[in-house]
Amino acid sequence: MTAPRELRTHRLLLRSFERGDIPTIVRLAGAREIAATTTNIPHPYTEDDARSFLIHSDDDFRAGRSVSFAVAISPGGELCGAVGLTVTPAHERAELGYWIGVPHWGQGFATEAAGAVMAFGFETLRLHRIHASHFAGNIASQRVLEKIGMRYEGPSRQHIRKWNRFIDLENYGLLASESRGEKTRSSGRGLSLPGKFAPSRADFLSISTCGPWRLGEFVASTAPFAPTEAAPEGAPVRCRWRRGR
């Protein structure tokens, strides 16, 4: 189990990963474009890598370190990617990350999934802050983060070494108060979030719940995520998909 409940958006079902997902994970995460736009996904990507991911995602979930949703297209349930939060409970913050398989790029799935999970983080986990980052030059991921209401916070220069070159990260974040449109002392301005992606107007139609959750009570997991290079909408934003421990 890698997520505590299901989230439903207009077009997507966000659910826990299952063993039956392994062949599709291998096929989608095994694309060179995915490895090229993430920090830690290996290429080639094998069944052993996918099994290791599921094992560690389950462990992390139960330890309360993070939560990972499989992104499936409704109706039909075709797996198309992943989205999740890596949580730091002591500071009530989390890092948002996602990746979408290459055949499904350019359809807005990344924005839809990220918006629903950010709403889950603020409204259910009661997080104070959610942040994310992408490789410099990845305009598509920049637009995803802007569409879900995140604010640009500046670069981390040459922060990532990928395939023997250093890459800048572009950093984004959002406070819970900003998601509600309140003013903050740091900015002095309220935030008007764009349309249906505003966390306070969660884009999911229903939530199947397995009980009440609050930060510190939740068992959560995953780390399948890493920063992105330039790629169409759907390429991963900063996350950490690990081969293993």
C-alpha atoms as a PDB file:
ATOM      1  CA  MET A   1       0.000   0.000   0.000  1.00  0.00           C
ATOM      2  CA  THR A   2       1.432   3.356  -1.006  1.00  0.00           C
ATOM      3  CA  ALA A   3      -1.491   5.764  -0.456  1.00  0.00           C
ATOM      4  CA  PRO A   4      -4.215   5.993   2.204  1.00  0.00           C
ATOM      5  CA  ARG A   5      -7.156   6.733  -0.037  1.00  0.00           C
ATOM      6  CA  GLU A   6      -8.277   7.282  -3.607  1.00  0.00           C
ATOM      7  CA  LEU A   7      -8.636  10.710  -5.196  1.00  0.00           C
ATOM      8  CA  ARG A   8     -10.849  11.172  -8.245  1.00  0.00           C
ATOM      9  CA  THR A   9     -10.574  14.081 -10.670  1.00  0.00           C
ATOM     10  CA  HIS A  10     -12.643  14.684 -13.793  1.00  0.00           C
ATOM     11  CA  ARG A  11     -10.428  12.352 -15.827  1.00  0.00           C
ATOM     12  CA  LEU A  12      -8.175  10.535 -13.383  1.00  0.00           C
ATOM     13  CA  LEU A  13      -8.178   8.056 -10.520  1.00  0.00           C
ATOM     14  CA  LEU A  14      -5.273   8.477  -8.094  1.00  0.00           C
ATOM     15  CA  ARG A  15      -4.813   5.249  -6.129  1.00  0.00           C
ATOM     16  CA  SER A  16      -2.272   3.119  -4.296  1.00  0.00           C
ATOM     17  CA  PHE A  17       0.272   1.245  -6.410  1.00  0.00           C
ATOM     18  CA  GLU A  18      -0.235  -2.523  -6.763  1.00  0.00           C
ATOM     19  CA  ARG A  19       1.948  -5.468  -7.793  1.00  0.00           C
ATOM     20  CA  GLY A  20      -0.069  -5.744 -10.989  1.00  0.00           C
ATOM     21  CA  ASP A  21       1.269  -2.327 -12.022  1.00  0.00           C
ATOM     22  CA  ILE A  22       4.838  -3.634 -12.410  1.00  0.00           C
ATOM     23  CA  PRO A  23       4.730  -4.343 -16.186  1.00  0.00           C
ATOM     24  CA  THR A  24       3.303  -0.894 -16.929  1.00  0.00           C
ATOM     25  CA  ILE A  25       5.745   0.828 -14.574  1.00  0.00           C
ATOM     26  CA  VAL A  26       8.622  -0.889 -16.372  1.00  0.00           C
ATOM     27  CA  ARG A  27       7.285   0.110 -19.786  1.00  0.00           C
ATOM     28  CA  LEU A  28       6.606   3.757 -18.912  1.00  0.00           C
ATOM     29  CA  ALA A  29       9.500   4.471 -16.531  1.00  0.00           C
ATOM     30  CA  GLY A  30      11.800   2.558 -18.881  1.00  0.00           C
ATOM     31  CA  ALA A  31      11.522   5.193 -21.602  1.00  0.00           C
ATOM     32  CA  ARG A  32      14.801   7.054 -21.988  1.00  0.00           C
ATOM     33  CA  GLU A  33      12.921  10.353 -21.902  1.00  0.00           C
ATOM     34  CA  ILE A  34      11.812   9.580 -18.328  1.00  0.00           C
ATOM     35  CA  ALA A  35      15.313   8.671 -17.190  1.00  0.00           C
ATOM     36  CA  ALA A  36      16.622  11.828 -18.867  1.00  0.00           C
ATOM     37  CA  THR A  37      14.179  14.024 -16.949  1.00  0.00           C
ATOM     38  CA  THR A  38      14.570  12.504 -13.488  1.00  0.00           C
ATOM     39  CA  THR A  39      17.447  12.355 -11.058  1.00  0.00           C
ATOM     40  CA  ASN A  40      17.486   8.705 -10.063  1.00  0.00           C
ATOM     41  CA  ILE A  41      15.430   6.573 -12.444  1.00  0.00           C
ATOM     42  CA  PRO A  42      17.921   4.209 -14.114  1.00  0.00           C
ATOM     43  CA  HIS A  43      18.017   3.373 -17.792  1.00  0.00           C
ATOM     44  CA  PRO A  44      17.295   0.676 -18.666  1.00  0.00           C
ATOM     45  CA  TYR A  45      14.625   0.234 -16.034  1.00  0.00           C
ATOM     46  CA  THR A  46      13.946  -3.392 -15.069  1.00  0.00           C
ATOM     47  CA  GLU A  47      11.310  -5.426 -13.240  1.00  0.00           C
ATOM     48  CA  ASP A  48      13.691  -5.609 -10.291  1.00  0.00           C
ATOM     49  CA  ASP A  49      13.730  -1.805 -10.177  1.00  0.00           C
ATOM     50  CA  ALA A  50       9.916  -1.697 -10.181  1.00  0.00           C
ATOM     51  CA  ARG A  51       9.653  -4.347  -7.460  1.00  0.00           C
ATOM     52  CA  SER A  52      12.177  -2.452  -5.347  1.00  0.00           C
ATOM     53  CA  PHE A  53      10.177   0.730  -5.818  1.00  0.00           C
ATOM     54  CA  LEU A  54       6.977  -0.942  -4.610  1.00  0.00           C
ATOM     55  CA  ILE A  55       8.701  -2.486  -1.582  1.00  0.00           C
ATOM     56  CA  HIS A  56      10.295   0.777  -0.477  1.00  0.00           C
ATOM     57  CA  SER A  57       7.138   2.751  -1.241  1.00  0.00           C
ATOM     58  CA  ASP A  58       5.176   0.446   1.051  1.00  0.00           C
ATOM     59  CA  ASP A  59       7.849   0.743   3.752  1.00  0.00           C
ATOM     60  CA  ASP A  60       7.943   4.530   3.505  1.00  0.00           C
ATOM     61  CA  PHE A  61       4.160   4.744   3.517  1.00  0.00           C
ATOM     62  CA  ARG A  62       3.905   2.715   6.705  1.00  0.00           C
ATOM     63  CA  ALA A  63       6.690   4.768   8.298  1.00  0.00           C
ATOM     64  CA  GLY A  64       4.881   8.039   7.516  1.00  0.00           C
ATOM     65  CA  ARG A  65       7.614   9.446   5.291  1.00  0.00           C
ATOM     66  CA  SER A  66       5.617   9.993   2.113  1.00  0.00           C
ATOM     67  CA  VAL A  67       2.568   9.092   0.063  1.00  0.00           C
ATOM     68  CA  SER A  68       2.565   7.956  -3.573  1.00  0.00           C
ATOM     69  CA  PHE A  69      -0.401   7.733  -5.921  1.00  0.00           C
ATOM     70  CA  ALA A  70      -0.572   5.770  -9.148  1.00  0.00           C
ATOM     71  CA  VAL A  71      -2.174   8.001 -11.791  1.00  0.00           C
ATOM     72  CA  ALA A  72      -4.800   6.079 -13.787  1.00  0.00           C
ATOM     73  CA  ILE A  73      -7.028   7.339 -16.581  1.00  0.00           C
ATOM     74  CA  SER A  74     -10.790   7.095 -16.053  1.00  0.00           C
ATOM     75  CA  PRO A  75     -12.715   5.244 -17.237  1.00  0.00           C
ATOM     76  CA  GLY A  76     -10.722   2.112 -17.912  1.00  0.00           C
ATOM     77  CA  GLY A  77      -8.040   2.547 -15.285  1.00  0.00           C
ATOM     78  CA  GLU A  78      -4.992   2.682 -17.570  1.00  0.00           C
ATOM     79  CA  LEU A  79      -1.894   3.562 -15.528  1.00  0.00           C
ATOM     80  CA  CYS A  80      -0.173   6.634 -16.952  1.00  0.00           C
ATOM     81  CA  GLY A  81       2.201   7.859 -14.231  1.00  0.00           C
ATOM     82  CA  ALA A  82       2.751   8.723 -10.589  1.00  0.00           C
ATOM     83  CA  VAL A  83       2.343  11.663  -8.242  1.00  0.00           C
ATOM     84  CA  GLY A  84       3.201  12.052  -4.589  1.00  0.00           C
ATOM     85  CA  LEU A  85       4.317  14.017  -1.560  1.00  0.00           C
ATOM     86  CA  THR A  86       7.527  13.498   0.414  1.00  0.00           C
ATOM     87  CA  VAL A  87       6.648  14.791   3.865  1.00  0.00           C
ATOM     88  CA  THR A  88       8.723  16.398   6.617  1.00  0.00           C
ATOM     89  CA  PRO A  89       6.280  16.167   9.553  1.00  0.00           C
ATOM     90  CA  ALA A  90       8.384  18.195  11.995  1.00  0.00           C
ATOM     91  CA  HIS A  91       8.092  21.244   9.726  1.00  0.00           C
ATOM     92  CA  GLU A  92       4.606  20.477   8.348  1.00  0.00           C
ATOM     93  CA  ARG A  93       5.850  20.674   4.770  1.00  0.00           C
ATOM     94  CA  ALA A  94       6.106  18.354   1.782  1.00  0.00           C
ATOM     95  CA  GLU A  95       7.752  18.188  -1.619  1.00  0.00           C
ATOM     96  CA  LEU A  96       5.434  17.548  -4.553  1.00  0.00           C
ATOM     97  CA  GLY A  97       6.645  15.367  -7.412  1.00  0.00           C
ATOM     98  CA  TYR A  98       5.206  13.554 -10.405  1.00  0.00           C
ATOM     99  CA  TRP A  99       5.988  11.854 -13.679  1.00  0.00           C
ATOM    100  CA  ILE A 100       3.701  10.971 -16.590  1.00  0.00           C
ATOM    101  CA  GLY A 101       4.539   8.353 -19.239  1.00  0.00           C
ATOM    102  CA  VAL A 102       5.623   9.693 -22.623  1.00  0.00           C
ATOM    103  CA  PRO A 103       2.540   8.376 -24.536  1.00  0.00           C
ATOM    104  CA  HIS A 104       0.374  10.534 -22.270  1.00  0.00           C
ATOM    105  CA  TRP A 105       2.321  13.803 -22.411  1.00  0.00           C
ATOM    106  CA  GLY A 106       0.561  16.964 -23.527  1.00  0.00           C
ATOM    107  CA  GLN A 107      -2.921  16.042 -22.258  1.00  0.00           C
ATOM    108  CA  GLY A 108      -2.917  17.974 -18.999  1.00  0.00           C
ATOM    109  CA  PHE A 109      -2.758  14.891 -16.779  1.00  0.00           C
ATOM    110  CA  ALA A 110       0.226  16.212 -14.827  1.00  0.00           C
ATOM    111  CA  THR A 111      -1.571  19.433 -13.927  1.00  0.00           C
ATOM    112  CA  GLU A 112      -4.761  17.610 -12.988  1.00  0.00           C
ATOM    113  CA  ALA A 113      -2.990  15.055 -10.790  1.00  0.00           C
ATOM    114  CA  ALA A 114      -0.657  17.584  -9.154  1.00  0.00           C
ATOM    115  CA  GLY A 115      -3.546  19.918  -8.347  1.00  0.00           C
ATOM    116  CA  ALA A 116      -5.536  17.144  -6.662  1.00  0.00           C
ATOM    117  CA  VAL A 117      -2.572  15.968  -4.582  1.00  0.00           C
ATOM    118  CA  MET A 118      -1.708  19.515  -3.524  1.00  0.00           C
ATOM    119  CA  ALA A 119      -5.306  19.935  -2.360  1.00  0.00           C
ATOM    120  CA  PHE A 120      -4.999  16.654  -0.452  1.00  0.00           C
ATOM    121  CA  GLY A 121      -1.830  17.912   1.208  1.00  0.00           C
ATOM    122  CA  PHE A 122      -3.358  21.156   2.397  1.00  0.00           C
ATOM    123  CA  GLU A 123      -6.890  20.040   3.165  1.00  0.00           C
ATOM    124  CA  THR A 124      -6.359  16.532   4.542  1.00  0.00           C
ATOM    125  CA  LEU A 125      -2.769  16.416   5.798  1.00  0.00           C
ATOM    126  CA  ARG A 126      -3.035  20.047   7.001  1.00  0.00           C
ATOM    127  CA  LEU A 127       0.408  20.885   5.654  1.00  0.00           C
ATOM    128  CA  HIS A 128       1.758  24.386   6.169  1.00  0.00           C
ATOM    129  CA  ARG A 129       3.826  24.456   2.971  1.00  0.00           C
ATOM    130  CA  ILE A 130       4.231  22.456  -0.251  1.00  0.00           C
ATOM    131  CA  HIS A 131       7.191  22.994  -2.556  1.00  0.00           C
ATOM    132  CA  ALA A 132       8.471  21.619  -5.878  1.00  0.00           C
ATOM    133  CA  SER A 133      11.218  22.261  -8.426  1.00  0.00           C
ATOM    134  CA  HIS A 134      12.137  21.478 -12.013  1.00  0.00           C
ATOM    135  CA  PHE A 135      15.228  21.476 -14.199  1.00  0.00           C
ATOM    136  CA  ALA A 136      16.020  24.903 -15.636  1.00  0.00           C
ATOM    137  CA  GLY A 137      14.580  25.176 -19.127  1.00  0.00           C
ATOM    138  CA  ASN A 138      11.668  22.826 -18.540  1.00  0.00           C
ATOM    139  CA  ILE A 139       8.940  25.256 -19.571  1.00  0.00           C
ATOM    140  CA  ALA A 140       6.243  22.576 -19.476  1.00  0.00           C
ATOM    141  CA  SER A 141       6.876  21.761 -15.815  1.00  0.00           C
ATOM    142  CA  GLN A 142       7.079  25.464 -15.054  1.00  0.00           C
ATOM    143  CA  ARG A 143       3.595  25.889 -16.505  1.00  0.00           C
ATOM    144  CA  VAL A 144       2.237  22.961 -14.475  1.00  0.00           C
ATOM    145  CA  LEU A 145       3.446  24.508 -11.231  1.00  0.00           C
ATOM    146  CA  GLU A 146       2.116  27.912 -12.209  1.00  0.00           C
ATOM    147  CA  LYS A 147      -1.286  26.444 -13.151  1.00  0.00           C
ATOM    148  CA  ILE A 148      -1.709  24.824  -9.745  1.00  0.00           C
ATOM    149  CA  GLY A 149      -0.918  28.139  -8.061  1.00  0.00           C
ATOM    150  CA  MET A 150       2.669  27.736  -6.900  1.00  0.00           C
ATOM    151  CA  ARG A 151       4.918  30.789  -6.569  1.00  0.00           C
ATOM    152  CA  TYR A 152       8.383  31.019  -8.053  1.00  0.00           C
ATOM    153  CA  GLU A 153      11.007  31.258  -5.302  1.00  0.00           C
ATOM    154  CA  GLY A 154      14.240  31.389  -7.257  1.00  0.00           C
ATOM    155  CA  PRO A 155      16.977  29.083  -8.604  1.00  0.00           C
ATOM    156  CA  SER A 156      19.356  26.614  -6.980  1.00  0.00           C
ATOM    157  CA  ARG A 157      22.428  26.942  -9.193  1.00  0.00           C
ATOM    158  CA  GLN A 158      24.050  23.753 -10.473  1.00  0.00           C
ATOM    159  CA  HIS A 159      22.180  21.839  -7.787  1.00  0.00           C
ATOM    160  CA  ILE A 160      21.860  18.525  -9.660  1.00  0.00           C
ATOM    161  CA  ARG A 161      24.484  16.482 -11.472  1.00  0.00           C
ATOM    162  CA  LYS A 162      22.845  14.554 -14.298  1.00  0.00           C
ATOM    163  CA  TRP A 163      24.778  12.505 -16.825  1.00  0.00           C
ATOM    164  CA  ASN A 164      28.053  14.334 -16.136  1.00  0.00           C
ATOM    165  CA  ARG A 165      26.708  17.854 -16.235  1.00  0.00           C
ATOM    166  CA  PHE A 166      25.439  20.182 -13.516  1.00  0.00           C
ATOM    167  CA  ILE A 167      21.898  21.517 -13.828  1.00  0.00           C
ATOM    168  CA  ASP A 168      20.134  24.441 -12.162  1.00  0.00           C
ATOM    169  CA  LEU A 169      16.852  23.861 -10.373  1.00  0.00           C
ATOM    170  CA  GLU A 170      13.948  26.316 -10.435  1.00  0.00           C
ATOM    171  CA  ASN A 171      12.119  26.317  -7.106  1.00  0.00           C
ATOM    172  CA  TYR A 172       8.428  26.887  -6.372  1.00  0.00           C
ATOM    173  CA  GLY A 173       6.335  26.827  -3.220  1.00  0.00           C
ATOM    174  CA  LEU A 174       2.947  27.586  -1.737  1.00  0.00           C
ATOM    175  CA  LEU A 175       1.781  28.165   1.834  1.00  0.00           C
ATOM    176  CA  ALA A 176      -1.518  26.891   3.145  1.00  0.00           C
ATOM    177  CA  SER A 177      -2.601  30.479   3.833  1.00  0.00           C
ATOM    178  CA  GLU A 178      -1.817  31.431   0.222  1.00  0.00           C
ATOM    179  CA  SER A 179      -3.854  28.472  -1.028  1.00  0.00           C
ATOM    180  CA  ARG A 180      -6.800  29.963   0.834  1.00  0.00           C
ATOM    181  CA  GLY A 181      -6.189  33.401  -0.644  1.00  0.00           C
ATOM    182  CA  GLU A 182      -5.000  34.955   2.597  1.00  0.00           C
ATOM    183  CA  LYS A 183      -2.298  37.603   2.874  1.00  0.00           C
ATOM    184  CA  THR A 184       1.122  36.585   4.148  1.00  0.00           C
ATOM    185  CA  ARG A 185       3.714  38.619   6.008  1.00  0.00           C
ATOM    186  CA  SER A 186       6.430  37.567   3.560  1.00  0.00           C
ATOM    187  CA  SER A 187       4.639  38.913   0.518  1.00  0.00           C
ATOM    188  CA  GLY A 188       1.956  41.244   1.855  1.00  0.00           C
ATOM    189  CA  ARG A 189      -0.289  40.084  -0.941  1.00  0.00           C
ATOM    190  CA  GLY A 190      -3.108  37.612  -1.249  1.00  0.00           C
ATOM    191  CA  LEU A 191      -2.930  34.902  -3.888  1.00  0.00           C
ATOM    192  CA  SER A 192      -5.663  34.296  -6.411  1.00  0.00           C
ATOM    193  CA  LEU A 193      -5.266  30.745  -7.684  1.00  0.00           C
ATOM    194  CA  PRO A 194      -6.172  29.896 -11.269  1.00  0.00           C
ATOM    195  CA  GLY A 195      -9.494  28.260 -11.844  1.00  0.00           C
ATOM    196  CA  LYS A 196     -10.233  24.665 -10.952  1.00  0.00           C
ATOM    197  CA  PHE A 197      -6.637  23.924  -9.921  1.00  0.00           C
ATOM    198  CA  ALA A 198      -6.872  26.021  -6.755  1.00  0.00           C
ATOM    199  CA  PRO A 199      -6.410  23.654  -3.799  1.00  0.00           C
ATOM    200  CA  SER A 200      -9.339  25.267  -2.009  1.00  0.00           C
ATOM    201  CA  ARG A 201     -11.518  24.197  -4.912  1.00  0.00           C
ATOM    202  CA  ALA A 202     -10.151  20.655  -5.186  1.00  0.00           C
ATOM    203  CA  ASP A 203     -10.537  19.211  -8.654  1.00  0.00           C
ATOM    204  CA  PHE A 204     -11.513  15.755  -7.486  1.00  0.00           C
ATOM    205  CA  LEU A 205     -15.138  14.634  -7.621  1.00  0.00           C
ATOM    206  CA  SER A 206     -14.961  12.293  -4.638  1.00  0.00           C
ATOM    207  CA  ILE A 207     -12.548  10.789  -2.131  1.00  0.00           C
ATOM    208  CA  SER A 208     -12.723   7.162  -0.984  1.00  0.00           C
ATOM    209  CA  THR A 209     -11.364   7.278   2.532  1.00  0.00           C
ATOM    210  CA  CYS A 210      -9.874   4.697   4.863  1.00  0.00           C
ATOM    211  CA  GLY A 211     -10.246   6.877   7.947  1.00  0.00           C
ATOM    212  CA  PRO A 212      -9.393  10.371   9.184  1.00  0.00           C
ATOM    213  CA  TRP A 213      -5.872  11.606   8.486  1.00  0.00           C
ATOM    214  CA  ARG A 214      -3.843  14.323  10.050  1.00  0.00           C
ATOM    215  CA  LEU A 215      -0.174  15.110   9.800  1.00  0.00           C
ATOM    216  CA  GLY A 216       1.710  12.853  12.181  1.00  0.00           C
ATOM    217  CA  GLU A 217      -0.982  10.158  12.031  1.00  0.00           C
ATOM    218  CA  PHE A 218      -0.660   9.287   8.396  1.00  0.00           C
ATOM    219  CA  VAL A 219       1.233   6.275   7.111  1.00  0.00           C
ATOM    220  CA  ALA A 220       2.611   7.251   3.773  1.00  0.00           C
ATOM    221  CA  SER A 221       5.267   6.400   1.276  1.00  0.00           C
ATOM    222  CA  THR A 222       7.192   6.653  -1.901  1.00  0.00           C
ATOM    223  CA  ALA A 223       9.973   8.501  -3.481  1.00  0.00           C
ATOM    224  CA  PRO A 224       9.565   7.884  -7.149  1.00  0.00           C
ATOM    225  CA  PHE A 225      10.396  11.368  -8.208  1.00  0.00           C
ATOM    226  CA  ALA A 226      13.117  13.691  -9.523  1.00  0.00           C
ATOM    227  CA  PRO A 227      13.745  17.023 -11.285  1.00  0.00           C
ATOM    228  CA  THR A 228      12.978  17.468 -14.939  1.00  0.00           C
ATOM    229  CA  GLU A 229      14.666  18.765 -18.044  1.00  0.00           C
ATOM    230  CA  ALA A 230      12.807  20.438 -20.894  1.00  0.00           C
ATOM    231  CA  ALA A 231       9.962  18.151 -21.927  1.00  0.00           C
ATOM    232  CA  PRO A 232       6.265  18.322 -22.836  1.00  0.00           C
ATOM    233  CA  GLU A 233       3.679  18.644 -20.082  1.00  0.00           C
ATOM    234  CA  GLY A 234       3.666  15.363 -18.214  1.00  0.00           C
ATOM    235  CA  ALA A 235       7.383  14.981 -17.730  1.00  0.00           C
ATOM    236  CA  PRO A 236       8.260  14.711 -14.038  1.00  0.00           C
ATOM    237  CA  VAL A 237       8.696  17.606 -11.732  1.00  0.00           C
ATOM    238  CA  ARG A 238      11.163  17.298  -8.855  1.00  0.00           C
ATOM    239  CA  CYS A 239      10.810  13.915  -7.174  1.00  0.00           C
ATOM    240  CA  ARG A 240      12.961  10.988  -6.205  1.00  0.00           C
ATOM    241  CA  TRP A 241      12.275   7.647  -7.809  1.00  0.00           C
ATOM    242  CA  ARG A 242      14.776   5.349  -6.168  1.00  0.00           C
ATOM    243  CA  ARG A 243      16.190   2.070  -7.459  1.00  0.00           C
ATOM    244  CA  GLY A 244      16.478   0.964  -3.829  1.00  0.00           C
ATOM    245  CA  ARG A 245      17.933   1.988  -0.531  1.00  0.00           C
END
